[in-house]
Amino acid sequence: MSIATDEAEEKYPESRPFSTTWENNICRRTGYIAGRTAAPTFREIEEAAYALWKTDVNMAGLDPTDDEYTAAWLSLTNTQRDIYRKKATAVLEAARQEVMA
């Protein structure tokens, strides 16, 4: 079984077959697995890229405010941000593959 399936079964355990709870849990499991194994969205990739970039900034010993982080991120070129987006996509995809395994 996959991690996603195991998690779905733990969150929505089996009950008596053909009861309302049983049917609801089957639907919930299906929805949970679909969401857990879905490809990352642009927003998820963007947030992960931003987090990776902030980690690099912190490693440089800087301590900007949230507004300074945002301004600095937005001042990067798309090419610079794409580097972090590609890294973020790779990390999120590796995690998704593991969940489906």
Protein backbone atom coordinates (compact mmCIF):
# COMPACT_ATOMS: atom_id res chain seq x y z
CA MET A 1 0.00 0.00 0.00
CA SER A 2 1.05 3.58 -0.55
CA ILE A 3 1.60 6.17 2.15
CA ALA A 4 -1.47 8.03 0.87
CA THR A 5 -3.63 4.90 1.10
CA ASP A 6 -2.34 4.10 4.59
CA GLU A 7 -3.04 7.66 5.75
CA ALA A 8 -6.53 7.63 4.21
CA GLU A 9 -7.39 4.37 5.94
CA GLU A 10 -6.09 5.69 9.25
CA LYS A 11 -8.06 8.94 8.94
CA TYR A 12 -11.22 7.27 7.66
CA PRO A 13 -11.38 3.75 9.13
CA GLU A 14 -13.68 1.05 7.88
CA SER A 15 -17.03 0.60 9.55
CA ARG A 16 -19.92 -1.70 8.79
CA PRO A 17 -20.24 -2.32 5.03
CA PHE A 18 -23.01 -0.43 3.24
CA SER A 19 -23.68 1.88 6.18
CA THR A 20 -23.73 5.64 5.68
CA THR A 21 -20.43 5.99 7.55
CA TRP A 22 -18.86 3.30 5.39
CA GLU A 23 -19.98 5.02 2.17
CA ASN A 24 -18.86 8.43 3.43
CA ASN A 25 -15.47 7.06 4.43
CA ILE A 26 -14.96 5.50 0.98
CA CYS A 27 -15.67 8.92 -0.58
CA ARG A 28 -13.43 10.66 1.93
CA ARG A 29 -10.59 8.20 1.32
CA THR A 30 -10.88 8.65 -2.43
CA GLY A 31 -10.83 12.43 -2.07
CA TYR A 32 -7.95 12.35 0.41
CA ILE A 33 -5.82 10.17 -1.87
CA ALA A 34 -6.62 12.33 -4.91
CA GLY A 35 -5.59 15.47 -3.05
CA ARG A 36 -2.52 13.91 -1.46
CA THR A 37 -1.18 12.60 -4.77
CA ALA A 38 -2.11 15.57 -6.98
CA ALA A 39 0.61 17.44 -8.82
CA PRO A 40 1.78 20.57 -7.02
CA THR A 41 -0.02 23.76 -7.96
CA PHE A 42 1.69 26.96 -9.09
CA ARG A 43 0.97 28.52 -5.70
CA GLU A 44 2.52 25.58 -3.83
CA ILE A 45 5.60 25.75 -6.05
CA GLU A 46 5.85 29.52 -5.59
CA GLU A 47 5.59 29.26 -1.79
CA ALA A 48 8.14 26.46 -1.68
CA ALA A 49 10.50 28.44 -3.93
CA TYR A 50 10.13 31.46 -1.66
CA ALA A 51 10.89 29.32 1.40
CA LEU A 52 14.01 27.87 -0.25
CA TRP A 53 15.19 31.36 -1.18
CA LYS A 54 14.57 32.63 2.37
CA THR A 55 16.69 29.75 3.66
CA ASP A 56 19.54 30.88 1.43
CA VAL A 57 19.14 34.46 2.66
CA ASN A 58 19.20 33.28 6.28
CA MET A 59 22.34 31.21 5.64
CA ALA A 60 24.04 34.43 4.55
CA GLY A 61 23.53 35.74 8.09
CA LEU A 62 20.97 38.35 7.14
CA ASP A 63 17.87 38.99 9.23
CA PRO A 64 15.36 40.93 7.11
CA THR A 65 11.80 41.73 8.12
CA ASP A 66 8.88 40.04 6.35
CA ASP A 67 8.32 43.15 4.24
CA GLU A 68 12.00 43.23 3.28
CA TYR A 69 11.85 39.54 2.32
CA THR A 70 8.84 40.16 0.12
CA ALA A 71 10.35 43.22 -1.54
CA ALA A 72 13.65 41.43 -2.16
CA TRP A 73 11.89 38.35 -3.61
CA LEU A 74 9.82 40.51 -5.94
CA SER A 75 12.92 42.42 -7.03
CA LEU A 76 14.54 39.22 -8.33
CA THR A 77 14.26 38.59 -12.04
CA ASN A 78 12.03 35.78 -13.27
CA THR A 79 15.18 33.91 -14.27
CA GLN A 80 16.48 34.12 -10.70
CA ARG A 81 13.13 33.06 -9.23
CA ASP A 82 12.87 30.22 -11.77
CA ILE A 83 15.99 28.65 -10.25
CA TYR A 84 14.14 28.33 -6.94
CA ARG A 85 10.91 27.26 -8.65
CA LYS A 86 12.74 24.40 -10.38
CA LYS A 87 14.29 23.29 -7.09
CA ALA A 88 10.92 23.54 -5.35
CA THR A 89 9.22 21.55 -8.10
CA ALA A 90 11.85 18.82 -7.81
CA VAL A 91 11.41 18.58 -4.03
CA LEU A 92 7.60 18.60 -4.16
CA GLU A 93 7.59 16.02 -6.95
CA ALA A 94 9.97 13.74 -5.02
CA ALA A 95 7.71 13.95 -1.98
CA ARG A 96 4.63 13.22 -4.10
CA GLN A 97 6.30 10.19 -5.68
CA GLU A 98 7.15 8.86 -2.23
CA VAL A 99 3.55 9.32 -1.07
CA MET A 100 2.33 7.34 -4.08
CA ALA A 101 4.88 4.54 -3.64
